[in-house]
PDB file of N, CA and C in Angstrom:
ATOM      1  N   TYR A   1      96.254  84.803 104.642  1.00  0.00           N
ATOM      2  CA  TYR A   1      95.993  86.059 104.653  1.00  0.00           C
ATOM      3  C   TYR A   1      95.098  86.137 105.859  1.00  0.00           C
ATOM      4  N   LEU A   2      95.175  87.833 106.798  1.00  0.00           N
ATOM      5  CA  LEU A   2      94.067  87.460 108.020  1.00  0.00           C
ATOM      6  C   LEU A   2      93.612  88.758 107.460  1.00  0.00           C
ATOM      7  N   ASP A   3      92.108  89.499 107.596  1.00  0.00           N
ATOM      8  CA  ASP A   3      92.164  90.684 107.601  1.00  0.00           C
ATOM      9  C   ASP A   3      90.993  90.900 108.655  1.00  0.00           C
ATOM     10  N   ILE A   4      92.086  91.665 109.450  1.00  0.00           N
ATOM     11  CA  ILE A   4      91.055  91.536 111.232  1.00  0.00           C
ATOM     12  C   ILE A   4      90.591  93.227 111.504  1.00  0.00           C
ATOM     13  N   SER A   5      90.399  93.750 109.913  1.00  0.00           N
ATOM     14  CA  SER A   5      90.087  95.082 110.285  1.00  0.00           C
ATOM     15  C   SER A   5      89.045  95.602 111.037  1.00  0.00           C
ATOM     16  N   PHE A   6      88.655  97.105 112.042  1.00  0.00           N
ATOM     17  CA  PHE A   6      87.716  97.216 112.207  1.00  0.00           C
ATOM     18  C   PHE A   6      87.401  96.283 113.350  1.00  0.00           C
ATOM     19  N   LYS A   7      88.101  95.599 113.787  1.00  0.00           N
ATOM     20  CA  LYS A   7      87.756  94.788 114.815  1.00  0.00           C
ATOM     21  C   LYS A   7      88.037  95.190 116.552  1.00  0.00           C
ATOM     22  N   ASN A   8      87.610  94.459 117.440  1.00  0.00           N
ATOM     23  CA  ASN A   8      88.064  94.972 118.308  1.00  0.00           C
ATOM     24  C   ASN A   8      89.101  94.153 119.397  1.00  0.00           C
ATOM     25  N   ILE A   9      90.079  93.893 118.143  1.00  0.00           N
ATOM     26  CA  ILE A   9      91.797  93.393 118.137  1.00  0.00           C
ATOM     27  C   ILE A   9      92.336  94.371 119.336  1.00  0.00           C
ATOM     28  N   ASP A  10      93.283  93.337 120.191  1.00  0.00           N
ATOM     29  CA  ASP A  10      93.786  94.397 121.253  1.00  0.00           C
ATOM     30  C   ASP A  10      95.623  93.294 120.942  1.00  0.00           C
ATOM     31  N   ASN A  11      96.360  94.295 122.126  1.00  0.00           N
ATOM     32  CA  ASN A  11      97.970  93.691 121.548  1.00  0.00           C
ATOM     33  C   ASN A  11      98.364  92.285 122.135  1.00  0.00           C
ATOM     34  N   ALA A  12      97.408  92.140 123.250  1.00  0.00           N
ATOM     35  CA  ALA A  12      97.378  90.506 123.815  1.00  0.00           C
ATOM     36  C   ALA A  12      96.672  89.548 122.836  1.00  0.00           C
ATOM     37  N   SER A  13      95.941  89.953 122.014  1.00  0.00           N
ATOM     38  CA  SER A  13      95.206  88.824 120.742  1.00  0.00           C
ATOM     39  C   SER A  13      95.970  88.852 119.485  1.00  0.00           C
ATOM     40  N   LEU A  14      96.766  89.605 119.593  1.00  0.00           N
ATOM     41  CA  LEU A  14      97.605  89.821 118.165  1.00  0.00           C
ATOM     42  C   LEU A  14      98.862  88.671 118.441  1.00  0.00           C
ATOM     43  N   VAL A  15      99.676  88.982 119.905  1.00  0.00           N
ATOM     44  CA  VAL A  15     100.432  87.883 120.206  1.00  0.00           C
ATOM     45  C   VAL A  15     100.095  86.389 120.298  1.00  0.00           C
ATOM     46  N   VAL A  16      98.758  86.050 120.751  1.00  0.00           N
ATOM     47  CA  VAL A  16      97.732  84.936 120.176  1.00  0.00           C
ATOM     48  C   VAL A  16      97.746  84.488 119.080  1.00  0.00           C
ATOM     49  N   ILE A  17      97.194  85.266 118.334  1.00  0.00           N
ATOM     50  CA  ILE A  17      97.621  84.970 116.717  1.00  0.00           C
ATOM     51  C   ILE A  17      98.893  84.811 116.059  1.00  0.00           C
ATOM     52  N   ALA A  18      99.358  85.274 116.443  1.00  0.00           N
ATOM     53  CA  ALA A  18     100.957  85.428 115.892  1.00  0.00           C
ATOM     54  C   ALA A  18     102.193  84.190 116.130  1.00  0.00           C
ATOM     55  N   ASN A  19     101.419  83.872 117.812  1.00  0.00           N
ATOM     56  CA  ASN A  19     102.249  82.270 117.606  1.00  0.00           C
ATOM     57  C   ASN A  19     101.173  81.243 117.343  1.00  0.00           C
ATOM     58  N   SER A  20     100.102  81.752 116.495  1.00  0.00           N
ATOM     59  CA  SER A  20      99.302  80.455 116.184  1.00  0.00           C
ATOM     60  C   SER A  20      99.458  80.310 114.822  1.00  0.00           C
ATOM     61  N   ALA A  21      99.917  81.251 114.080  1.00  0.00           N
ATOM     62  CA  ALA A  21      99.866  81.886 112.958  1.00  0.00           C
ATOM     63  C   ALA A  21     101.165  82.190 112.363  1.00  0.00           C
ATOM     64  N   SER A  22     101.906  81.363 112.901  1.00  0.00           N
ATOM     65  CA  SER A  22     103.708  81.493 112.351  1.00  0.00           C
ATOM     66  C   SER A  22     104.283  81.708 111.108  1.00  0.00           C
ATOM     67  N   PHE A  23     103.191  81.112 110.415  1.00  0.00           N
ATOM     68  CA  PHE A  23     103.593  81.783 108.443  1.00  0.00           C
ATOM     69  C   PHE A  23     102.507  82.527 107.920  1.00  0.00           C
ATOM     70  N   LEU A  24     101.789  83.410 108.965  1.00  0.00           N
ATOM     71  CA  LEU A  24     101.017  84.432 108.375  1.00  0.00           C
ATOM     72  C   LEU A  24     101.829  85.571 107.832  1.00  0.00           C
ATOM     73  N   ARG A  25     101.728  85.517 106.239  1.00  0.00           N
ATOM     74  CA  ARG A  25     102.277  86.510 105.437  1.00  0.00           C
ATOM     75  C   ARG A  25     101.666  87.888 105.139  1.00  0.00           C
ATOM     76  N   HIS A  26     100.408  88.130 105.341  1.00  0.00           N
ATOM     77  CA  HIS A  26      99.483  88.767 104.968  1.00  0.00           C
ATOM     78  C   HIS A  26      98.515  89.273 106.028  1.00  0.00           C
ATOM     79  N   LEU A  27      98.359  90.800 106.841  1.00  0.00           N
ATOM     80  CA  LEU A  27      97.772  90.798 107.862  1.00  0.00           C
ATOM     81  C   LEU A  27      97.113  92.488 107.809  1.00  0.00           C
ATOM     82  N   SER A  28      95.644  92.920 107.481  1.00  0.00           N
ATOM     83  CA  SER A  28      95.532  93.810 107.412  1.00  0.00           C
ATOM     84  C   SER A  28      94.461  94.196 109.005  1.00  0.00           C
ATOM     85  N   LEU A  29      95.152  95.403 109.572  1.00  0.00           N
ATOM     86  CA  LEU A  29      94.648  95.688 110.573  1.00  0.00           C
ATOM     87  C   LEU A  29      94.165  97.288 111.055  1.00  0.00           C
ATOM     88  N   VAL A  30      93.235  97.695 109.570  1.00  0.00           N
ATOM     89  CA  VAL A  30      92.734  98.885 109.702  1.00  0.00           C
ATOM     90  C   VAL A  30      92.228  99.222 110.718  1.00  0.00           C
ATOM     91  N   LYS A  31      92.131 100.508 111.405  1.00  0.00           N
ATOM     92  CA  LYS A  31      91.035 101.054 112.403  1.00  0.00           C
ATOM     93  C   LYS A  31      90.837 100.039 113.679  1.00  0.00           C
ATOM     94  N   CYS A  32      92.016  99.248 113.896  1.00  0.00           N
ATOM     95  CA  CYS A  32      91.794  98.356 114.948  1.00  0.00           C
ATOM     96  C   CYS A  32      92.421  99.180 116.386  1.00  0.00           C
ATOM     97  N   LYS A  33      91.196  99.932 116.906  1.00  0.00           N
ATOM     98  CA  LYS A  33      91.487 101.316 118.059  1.00  0.00           C
ATOM     99  C   LYS A  33      92.192 100.755 119.258  1.00  0.00           C
ATOM    100  N   PHE A  34      92.406  99.241 119.250  1.00  0.00           N
ATOM    101  CA  PHE A  34      92.891  98.949 120.932  1.00  0.00           C
ATOM    102  C   PHE A  34      94.373  98.481 120.404  1.00  0.00           C
ATOM    103  N   VAL A  35      94.605  97.985 119.472  1.00  0.00           N
ATOM    104  CA  VAL A  35      96.360  97.791 118.891  1.00  0.00           C
ATOM    105  C   VAL A  35      97.128  99.247 119.201  1.00  0.00           C
ATOM    106  N   ARG A  36      97.609  99.259 120.445  1.00  0.00           N
ATOM    107  CA  ARG A  36      98.424 100.388 120.711  1.00  0.00           C
ATOM    108  C   ARG A  36     100.101 100.265 120.616  1.00  0.00           C
ATOM    109  N   ASP A  37     100.345  98.735 120.606  1.00  0.00           N
ATOM    110  CA  ASP A  37     102.109  99.240 120.674  1.00  0.00           C
ATOM    111  C   ASP A  37     102.542  98.085 119.406  1.00  0.00           C
ATOM    112  N   MET A  38     102.853  98.682 118.590  1.00  0.00           N
ATOM    113  CA  MET A  38     102.838  98.099 117.307  1.00  0.00           C
ATOM    114  C   MET A  38     103.990  97.079 117.312  1.00  0.00           C
ATOM    115  N   LYS A  39     105.060  97.119 118.413  1.00  0.00           N
ATOM    116  CA  LYS A  39     106.339  96.119 118.450  1.00  0.00           C
ATOM    117  C   LYS A  39     105.536  95.127 118.601  1.00  0.00           C
ATOM    118  N   VAL A  40     104.382  94.343 119.026  1.00  0.00           N
ATOM    119  CA  VAL A  40     103.654  93.481 118.931  1.00  0.00           C
ATOM    120  C   VAL A  40     103.875  92.311 117.591  1.00  0.00           C
ATOM    121  N   LEU A  41     104.162  93.218 116.615  1.00  0.00           N
ATOM    122  CA  LEU A  41     104.097  92.704 114.432  1.00  0.00           C
ATOM    123  C   LEU A  41     104.978  92.271 114.752  1.00  0.00           C
ATOM    124  N   SER A  42     106.664  92.636 115.631  1.00  0.00           N
ATOM    125  CA  SER A  42     107.739  91.890 115.388  1.00  0.00           C
ATOM    126  C   SER A  42     107.107  89.847 115.690  1.00  0.00           C
ATOM    127  N   ASN A  43     106.366  89.761 116.682  1.00  0.00           N
ATOM    128  CA  ASN A  43     106.174  88.534 116.469  1.00  0.00           C
ATOM    129  C   ASN A  43     105.642  87.974 115.145  1.00  0.00           C
ATOM    130  N   PHE A  44     105.226  88.400 114.416  1.00  0.00           N
ATOM    131  CA  PHE A  44     104.788  87.839 113.164  1.00  0.00           C
ATOM    132  C   PHE A  44     106.208  87.873 112.261  1.00  0.00           C
ATOM    133  N   LYS A  45     106.531  86.652 112.321  1.00  0.00           N
ATOM    134  CA  LYS A  45     108.141  86.061 111.650  1.00  0.00           C
ATOM    135  C   LYS A  45     107.777  86.459 109.875  1.00  0.00           C
ATOM    136  N   ALA A  46     106.779  86.273 109.539  1.00  0.00           N
ATOM    137  CA  ALA A  46     107.126  85.379 108.226  1.00  0.00           C
ATOM    138  C   ALA A  46     106.098  86.539 107.213  1.00  0.00           C
ATOM    139  N   LEU A  47     105.740  87.495 108.092  1.00  0.00           N
ATOM    140  CA  LEU A  47     105.030  89.233 107.623  1.00  0.00           C
ATOM    141  C   LEU A  47     105.563  89.423 106.576  1.00  0.00           C
ATOM    142  N   GLU A  48     104.949  89.618 105.426  1.00  0.00           N
ATOM    143  CA  GLU A  48     105.567  90.552 104.375  1.00  0.00           C
ATOM    144  C   GLU A  48     104.598  91.690 103.923  1.00  0.00           C
ATOM    145  N   TYR A  49     103.508  91.577 104.040  1.00  0.00           N
ATOM    146  CA  TYR A  49     102.471  92.766 103.615  1.00  0.00           C
ATOM    147  C   TYR A  49     101.736  93.244 105.259  1.00  0.00           C
ATOM    148  N   LEU A  50     101.524  94.320 105.233  1.00  0.00           N
ATOM    149  CA  LEU A  50     101.001  94.971 106.545  1.00  0.00           C
ATOM    150  C   LEU A  50     100.059  96.318 106.116  1.00  0.00           C
ATOM    151  N   ASN A  51      98.442  96.079 106.627  1.00  0.00           N
ATOM    152  CA  ASN A  51      97.801  96.996 106.309  1.00  0.00           C
ATOM    153  C   ASN A  51      97.259  97.475 107.540  1.00  0.00           C
ATOM    154  N   LEU A  52      97.503  98.855 108.219  1.00  0.00           N
ATOM    155  CA  LEU A  52      97.395  99.636 109.403  1.00  0.00           C
ATOM    156  C   LEU A  52      96.629 100.371 108.730  1.00  0.00           C
ATOM    157  N   ASP A  53      96.630 101.707 108.989  1.00  0.00           N
ATOM    158  CA  ASP A  53      95.690 102.888 108.248  1.00  0.00           C
ATOM    159  C   ASP A  53      96.767 104.193 108.231  1.00  0.00           C
ATOM    160  N   GLN A  54      96.279 105.305 108.402  1.00  0.00           N
ATOM    161  CA  GLN A  54      96.770 106.522 107.936  1.00  0.00           C
ATOM    162  C   GLN A  54      97.187 107.211 108.933  1.00  0.00           C
ATOM    163  N   ARG A  55      96.752 106.383 110.559  1.00  0.00           N
ATOM    164  CA  ARG A  55      96.903 107.533 111.759  1.00  0.00           C
ATOM    165  C   ARG A  55      98.393 106.975 112.557  1.00  0.00           C
ATOM    166  N   LEU A  56      99.060 106.029 111.577  1.00  0.00           N
ATOM    167  CA  LEU A  56     100.203 105.306 111.948  1.00  0.00           C
ATOM    168  C   LEU A  56     101.584 106.503 112.507  1.00  0.00           C
ATOM    169  N   SER A  57     102.136 105.896 113.401  1.00  0.00           N
ATOM    170  CA  SER A  57     103.453 106.893 113.433  1.00  0.00           C
ATOM    171  C   SER A  57     104.603 106.476 114.240  1.00  0.00           C
ATOM    172  N   TYR A  58     104.310 105.279 114.937  1.00  0.00           N
ATOM    173  CA  TYR A  58     105.414 104.803 115.282  1.00  0.00           C
ATOM    174  C   TYR A  58     105.381 103.328 114.760  1.00  0.00           C
ATOM    175  N   LEU A  59     106.865 102.427 114.367  1.00  0.00           N
ATOM    176  CA  LEU A  59     106.887 101.445 114.061  1.00  0.00           C
ATOM    177  C   LEU A  59     108.024 100.506 114.185  1.00  0.00           C
ATOM    178  N   SER A  60     107.853  99.645 114.692  1.00  0.00           N
ATOM    179  CA  SER A  60     109.271  98.792 114.845  1.00  0.00           C
ATOM    180  C   SER A  60     109.180  97.690 114.196  1.00  0.00           C
ATOM    181  N   LEU A  61     110.130  97.196 113.199  1.00  0.00           N
ATOM    182  CA  LEU A  61     109.793  95.980 112.634  1.00  0.00           C
ATOM    183  C   LEU A  61     111.211  95.320 112.141  1.00  0.00           C
ATOM    184  N   SER A  62     111.979  95.331 113.419  1.00  0.00           N
ATOM    185  CA  SER A  62     113.113  94.627 112.734  1.00  0.00           C
ATOM    186  C   SER A  62     113.037  92.907 113.562  1.00  0.00           C
ATOM    187  N   LEU A  63     114.157  92.522 112.709  1.00  0.00           N
ATOM    188  CA  LEU A  63     113.560  90.890 112.286  1.00  0.00           C
ATOM    189  C   LEU A  63     112.711  90.073 111.932  1.00  0.00           C
ATOM    190  N   THR A  64     112.012  91.091 110.948  1.00  0.00           N
ATOM    191  CA  THR A  64     111.048  90.651 110.502  1.00  0.00           C
ATOM    192  C   THR A  64     111.229  90.395 108.975  1.00  0.00           C
ATOM    193  N   ARG A  65     110.433  89.776 108.004  1.00  0.00           N
ATOM    194  CA  ARG A  65     110.227  89.239 106.140  1.00  0.00           C
ATOM    195  C   ARG A  65     110.016  90.544 105.944  1.00  0.00           C
ATOM    196  N   ILE A  66     109.850  91.637 106.794  1.00  0.00           N
ATOM    197  CA  ILE A  66     108.832  92.741 105.631  1.00  0.00           C
ATOM    198  C   ILE A  66     110.134  93.298 104.331  1.00  0.00           C
ATOM    199  N   THR A  67     109.258  93.754 103.116  1.00  0.00           N
ATOM    200  CA  THR A  67     110.094  93.871 101.982  1.00  0.00           C
ATOM    201  C   THR A  67     110.327  95.707 101.283  1.00  0.00           C
ATOM    202  N   ASP A  68     110.879  95.660 100.541  1.00  0.00           N
ATOM    203  CA  ASP A  68     110.481  97.239  99.936  1.00  0.00           C
ATOM    204  C   ASP A  68     109.068  97.317  99.626  1.00  0.00           C
ATOM    205  N   ASN A  69     108.566  95.983  99.242  1.00  0.00           N
ATOM    206  CA  ASN A  69     106.621  96.572  98.931  1.00  0.00           C
ATOM    207  C   ASN A  69     106.043  97.030  99.457  1.00  0.00           C
ATOM    208  N   GLY A  70     106.634  96.514 101.004  1.00  0.00           N
ATOM    209  CA  GLY A  70     105.698  97.498 101.731  1.00  0.00           C
ATOM    210  C   GLY A  70     105.992  99.192 102.411  1.00  0.00           C
ATOM    211  N   MET A  71     106.887  99.421 101.632  1.00  0.00           N
ATOM    212  CA  MET A  71     107.491 101.076 102.411  1.00  0.00           C
ATOM    213  C   MET A  71     106.602 102.049 101.686  1.00  0.00           C
ATOM    214  N   PRO A  72     106.456 101.768 100.502  1.00  0.00           N
ATOM    215  CA  PRO A  72     105.227 102.917  99.532  1.00  0.00           C
ATOM    216  C   PRO A  72     104.305 103.037 100.978  1.00  0.00           C
ATOM    217  N   TYR A  73     103.786 102.172 101.192  1.00  0.00           N
ATOM    218  CA  TYR A  73     102.602 102.694 102.363  1.00  0.00           C
ATOM    219  C   TYR A  73     102.724 103.596 103.331  1.00  0.00           C
ATOM    220  N   LEU A  74     104.279 102.808 103.838  1.00  0.00           N
ATOM    221  CA  LEU A  74     104.839 103.905 105.251  1.00  0.00           C
ATOM    222  C   LEU A  74     104.591 105.167 105.164  1.00  0.00           C
ATOM    223  N   ALA A  75     104.837 105.841 103.698  1.00  0.00           N
ATOM    224  CA  ALA A  75     105.249 107.131 103.040  1.00  0.00           C
ATOM    225  C   ALA A  75     103.836 108.101 102.964  1.00  0.00           C
ATOM    226  N   SER A  76     102.530 106.786 102.893  1.00  0.00           N
ATOM    227  CA  SER A  76     101.455 107.859 102.586  1.00  0.00           C
ATOM    228  C   SER A  76     100.561 108.218 104.222  1.00  0.00           C
ATOM    229  N   CYS A  77     101.639 107.516 105.635  1.00  0.00           N
ATOM    230  CA  CYS A  77     101.438 107.576 106.633  1.00  0.00           C
ATOM    231  C   CYS A  77     101.450 109.011 107.151  1.00  0.00           C
ATOM    232  N   SER A  78     100.188 110.411 106.955  1.00  0.00           N
ATOM    233  CA  SER A  78     100.882 111.448 107.052  1.00  0.00           C
ATOM    234  C   SER A  78     101.339 111.928 108.960  1.00  0.00           C
ATOM    235  N   LEU A  79     100.844 111.250 109.371  1.00  0.00           N
ATOM    236  CA  LEU A  79     101.681 111.180 110.948  1.00  0.00           C
ATOM    237  C   LEU A  79     102.848 110.477 111.279  1.00  0.00           C
ATOM    238  N   PHE A  80     103.390 109.595 110.545  1.00  0.00           N
ATOM    239  CA  PHE A  80     104.441 108.547 110.703  1.00  0.00           C
ATOM    240  C   PHE A  80     105.871 109.618 111.089  1.00  0.00           C
ATOM    241  N   ARG A  81     106.398 109.479 111.835  1.00  0.00           N
ATOM    242  CA  ARG A  81     107.456 110.059 112.533  1.00  0.00           C
ATOM    243  C   ARG A  81     108.526 108.786 112.674  1.00  0.00           C
ATOM    244  N   SER A  82     108.566 107.524 112.897  1.00  0.00           N
ATOM    245  CA  SER A  82     109.825 106.540 113.391  1.00  0.00           C
ATOM    246  C   SER A  82     109.602 105.422 113.051  1.00  0.00           C
ATOM    247  N   LEU A  83     110.055 104.591 112.474  1.00  0.00           N
ATOM    248  CA  LEU A  83     110.924 103.314 111.812  1.00  0.00           C
ATOM    249  C   LEU A  83     111.789 102.821 112.034  1.00  0.00           C
ATOM    250  N   LYS A  84     111.790 101.691 113.012  1.00  0.00           N
ATOM    251  CA  LYS A  84     112.702 100.782 113.218  1.00  0.00           C
ATOM    252  C   LYS A  84     112.913  99.676 112.119  1.00  0.00           C
ATOM    253  N   ILE A  85     113.687  99.418 111.294  1.00  0.00           N
ATOM    254  CA  ILE A  85     113.875  97.895 110.559  1.00  0.00           C
ATOM    255  C   ILE A  85     115.305  97.109 110.841  1.00  0.00           C
ATOM    256  N   PRO A  86     116.074  97.123 111.667  1.00  0.00           N
ATOM    257  CA  PRO A  86     117.456  96.732 111.759  1.00  0.00           C
ATOM    258  C   PRO A  86     116.695  94.782 111.656  1.00  0.00           C
ATOM    259  N   TYR A  87     118.001  94.971 110.593  1.00  0.00           N
ATOM    260  CA  TYR A  87     117.935  93.177 110.091  1.00  0.00           C
ATOM    261  C   TYR A  87     116.328  92.521 109.489  1.00  0.00           C
ATOM    262  N   CYS A  88     116.388  93.440 108.787  1.00  0.00           N
ATOM    263  CA  CYS A  88     115.467  93.455 107.585  1.00  0.00           C
ATOM    264  C   CYS A  88     115.996  93.274 106.237  1.00  0.00           C
ATOM    265  N   ARG A  89     116.420  92.137 105.741  1.00  0.00           N
ATOM    266  CA  ARG A  89     116.913  92.018 104.708  1.00  0.00           C
ATOM    267  C   ARG A  89     116.486  92.106 103.457  1.00  0.00           C
ATOM    268  N   GLY A  90     114.741  92.189 103.665  1.00  0.00           N
ATOM    269  CA  GLY A  90     114.111  92.737 102.618  1.00  0.00           C
ATOM    270  C   GLY A  90     114.180  93.486 102.044  1.00  0.00           C
ATOM    271  N   VAL A  91     114.561  94.701 103.005  1.00  0.00           N
ATOM    272  CA  VAL A  91     114.260  96.338 102.468  1.00  0.00           C
ATOM    273  C   VAL A  91     115.943  96.831 102.325  1.00  0.00           C
ATOM    274  N   GLN A  92     115.974  97.317 101.300  1.00  0.00           N
ATOM    275  CA  GLN A  92     117.182  97.669 100.616  1.00  0.00           C
ATOM    276  C   GLN A  92     116.891  98.814  99.862  1.00  0.00           C
ATOM    277  N   GLY A  93     117.533  99.151  98.967  1.00  0.00           N
ATOM    278  CA  GLY A  93     118.156 100.630  98.400  1.00  0.00           C
ATOM    279  C   GLY A  93     116.254 101.163  97.744  1.00  0.00           C
ATOM    280  N   PRO A  94     115.630 100.397  97.133  1.00  0.00           N
ATOM    281  CA  PRO A  94     114.308 101.039  96.561  1.00  0.00           C
ATOM    282  C   PRO A  94     113.467 100.913  97.799  1.00  0.00           C
ATOM    283  N   GLY A  95     113.375 100.828  98.752  1.00  0.00           N
ATOM    284  CA  GLY A  95     112.417 100.549  99.709  1.00  0.00           C
ATOM    285  C   GLY A  95     112.838 101.609 100.934  1.00  0.00           C
ATOM    286  N   LEU A  96     113.975 102.053 100.831  1.00  0.00           N
ATOM    287  CA  LEU A  96     114.456 103.606 101.616  1.00  0.00           C
ATOM    288  C   LEU A  96     114.230 104.456 100.830  1.00  0.00           C
TER     289      LEU A  96
END
């Protein structure tokens, strides 16, 4: 579990973390205003739980281990417009 909420973390830092913590399953990035490209999250291959904030609008999680359990959070994001989850076997009927 890693909670880096409210930190001045950026995309490059997340890549370093993903490369160092390849088995990380829980990640919290609430109010990380310098993380601009959520595509970097695809580097977290074992990620099952992701906590962002409700300003999220676009997210690509292709080839990750996200599951149906993470989908209700996305529904609560009022600005959410686009989700890409190809090849995510953990997301099936209930999560959609």
